[in-house]
Amino acid sequence: MTVWDGAGAAPSPYPYVTTGVPPKMSDLVFIAVTIAVFAVLALVAKGVGRL
């Protein structure tokens, strides 16, 4: 399985956003995922700093 194995979906800049979502929504989802990843990294960094 690759990120391109959708139902014949054309490659998109945000391959992990589900197809059928309006472009604006996919942008919001992409931003939310990015922020969440950075938040998790920050929490992990804080946890490592306490060790």
N, C-alpha and C. Protein backbone atom coordinates (compact mmCIF):
# COMPACT_ATOMS: atom_id res chain seq x y z
N MET A 1 0.85 -1.21 0.00
CA MET A 1 0.00 0.00 0.00
C MET A 1 0.87 1.24 0.00
N THR A 2 0.58 2.13 -0.92
CA THR A 2 1.25 3.43 -0.91
C THR A 2 0.19 4.50 -0.70
N VAL A 3 0.64 5.72 -0.44
CA VAL A 3 -0.32 6.80 -0.22
C VAL A 3 -1.12 7.09 -1.48
N TRP A 4 -0.65 6.60 -2.63
CA TRP A 4 -1.35 6.91 -3.89
C TRP A 4 -2.41 5.86 -4.22
N ASP A 5 -2.54 4.80 -3.41
CA ASP A 5 -3.48 3.73 -3.73
C ASP A 5 -4.91 4.07 -3.32
N GLY A 6 -5.36 5.27 -3.70
CA GLY A 6 -6.75 5.64 -3.43
C GLY A 6 -7.63 5.02 -4.50
N ALA A 7 -8.90 5.38 -4.52
CA ALA A 7 -9.83 4.87 -5.53
C ALA A 7 -9.62 5.65 -6.83
N GLY A 8 -8.46 5.47 -7.45
CA GLY A 8 -8.15 6.20 -8.67
C GLY A 8 -7.98 7.68 -8.42
N ALA A 9 -7.65 8.05 -7.19
CA ALA A 9 -7.52 9.47 -6.86
C ALA A 9 -6.23 10.02 -7.46
N ALA A 10 -6.31 11.24 -7.97
CA ALA A 10 -5.11 11.88 -8.50
C ALA A 10 -4.21 12.28 -7.33
N PRO A 11 -2.89 12.23 -7.52
CA PRO A 11 -1.98 12.65 -6.45
C PRO A 11 -2.29 14.07 -5.99
N SER A 12 -2.32 14.27 -4.69
CA SER A 12 -2.61 15.59 -4.15
C SER A 12 -1.46 16.03 -3.26
N PRO A 13 -1.34 17.34 -3.00
CA PRO A 13 -0.25 17.81 -2.12
C PRO A 13 -0.37 17.24 -0.71
N TYR A 14 -1.58 16.82 -0.33
CA TYR A 14 -1.80 16.28 1.01
C TYR A 14 -2.32 14.85 0.86
N PRO A 15 -1.43 13.90 0.55
CA PRO A 15 -1.87 12.54 0.19
C PRO A 15 -2.60 11.83 1.31
N TYR A 16 -2.38 12.22 2.58
CA TYR A 16 -3.01 11.50 3.68
C TYR A 16 -4.32 12.13 4.11
N VAL A 17 -4.77 13.18 3.41
CA VAL A 17 -6.09 13.75 3.69
C VAL A 17 -7.09 12.98 2.83
N THR A 18 -8.18 12.54 3.44
CA THR A 18 -9.14 11.72 2.70
C THR A 18 -9.69 12.48 1.50
N THR A 19 -9.89 11.77 0.41
CA THR A 19 -10.46 12.39 -0.78
C THR A 19 -11.94 12.65 -0.55
N GLY A 20 -12.49 13.60 -1.28
CA GLY A 20 -13.89 13.93 -1.12
C GLY A 20 -14.10 15.05 -0.12
N VAL A 21 -13.02 15.51 0.50
CA VAL A 21 -13.11 16.64 1.43
C VAL A 21 -12.87 17.92 0.65
N PRO A 22 -13.67 18.96 0.89
CA PRO A 22 -13.45 20.22 0.18
C PRO A 22 -12.02 20.72 0.39
N PRO A 23 -11.42 21.36 -0.61
CA PRO A 23 -10.02 21.80 -0.51
C PRO A 23 -9.73 22.62 0.74
N LYS A 24 -10.64 23.54 1.09
CA LYS A 24 -10.40 24.36 2.28
C LYS A 24 -10.33 23.47 3.52
N MET A 25 -11.21 22.48 3.60
CA MET A 25 -11.20 21.59 4.76
C MET A 25 -9.90 20.79 4.80
N SER A 26 -9.43 20.32 3.65
CA SER A 26 -8.20 19.54 3.64
C SER A 26 -7.03 20.42 4.10
N ASP A 27 -7.05 21.70 3.74
CA ASP A 27 -6.01 22.62 4.22
C ASP A 27 -6.07 22.71 5.74
N LEU A 28 -7.29 22.84 6.29
CA LEU A 28 -7.43 22.95 7.75
C LEU A 28 -6.97 21.67 8.43
N VAL A 29 -7.32 20.52 7.84
CA VAL A 29 -6.89 19.25 8.42
C VAL A 29 -5.37 19.14 8.38
N PHE A 30 -4.77 19.55 7.26
CA PHE A 30 -3.31 19.50 7.13
C PHE A 30 -2.65 20.36 8.19
N ILE A 31 -3.18 21.58 8.39
CA ILE A 31 -2.63 22.49 9.39
C ILE A 31 -2.80 21.90 10.79
N ALA A 32 -3.97 21.34 11.06
CA ALA A 32 -4.24 20.75 12.38
C ALA A 32 -3.29 19.59 12.66
N VAL A 33 -3.07 18.74 11.65
CA VAL A 33 -2.16 17.60 11.82
C VAL A 33 -0.74 18.10 12.08
N THR A 34 -0.33 19.13 11.33
CA THR A 34 1.02 19.68 11.50
C THR A 34 1.20 20.22 12.92
N ILE A 35 0.21 20.98 13.40
CA ILE A 35 0.28 21.54 14.75
C ILE A 35 0.31 20.41 15.78
N ALA A 36 -0.49 19.39 15.57
CA ALA A 36 -0.53 18.26 16.52
C ALA A 36 0.83 17.57 16.58
N VAL A 37 1.46 17.38 15.42
CA VAL A 37 2.78 16.73 15.39
C VAL A 37 3.79 17.56 16.17
N PHE A 38 3.78 18.89 15.93
CA PHE A 38 4.72 19.74 16.66
C PHE A 38 4.43 19.71 18.16
N ALA A 39 3.16 19.67 18.54
CA ALA A 39 2.80 19.62 19.96
C ALA A 39 3.33 18.34 20.60
N VAL A 40 3.18 17.22 19.90
CA VAL A 40 3.68 15.94 20.43
C VAL A 40 5.20 15.99 20.56
N LEU A 41 5.88 16.54 19.54
CA LEU A 41 7.34 16.65 19.60
C LEU A 41 7.76 17.52 20.78
N ALA A 42 7.03 18.61 21.02
CA ALA A 42 7.36 19.51 22.14
C ALA A 42 7.19 18.77 23.46
N LEU A 43 6.10 18.00 23.59
CA LEU A 43 5.88 17.24 24.83
C LEU A 43 6.98 16.20 25.03
N VAL A 44 7.36 15.53 23.96
CA VAL A 44 8.43 14.53 24.06
C VAL A 44 9.73 15.21 24.47
N ALA A 45 10.02 16.36 23.87
CA ALA A 45 11.25 17.09 24.21
C ALA A 45 11.24 17.49 25.69
N LYS A 46 10.09 17.94 26.18
CA LYS A 46 10.00 18.31 27.60
C LYS A 46 10.22 17.08 28.47
N GLY A 47 9.61 15.96 28.09
CA GLY A 47 9.78 14.73 28.86
C GLY A 47 11.23 14.29 28.89
N VAL A 48 11.92 14.38 27.75
CA VAL A 48 13.33 13.99 27.68
C VAL A 48 14.16 14.95 28.53
N GLY A 49 13.80 16.22 28.54
CA GLY A 49 14.54 17.21 29.34
C GLY A 49 14.46 16.93 30.82
N ARG A 50 13.39 16.26 31.26
CA ARG A 50 13.23 15.98 32.69
C ARG A 50 14.09 14.80 33.12
N LEU A 51 14.50 13.98 32.17
CA LEU A 51 15.28 12.79 32.55
C LEU A 51 16.67 13.18 33.05
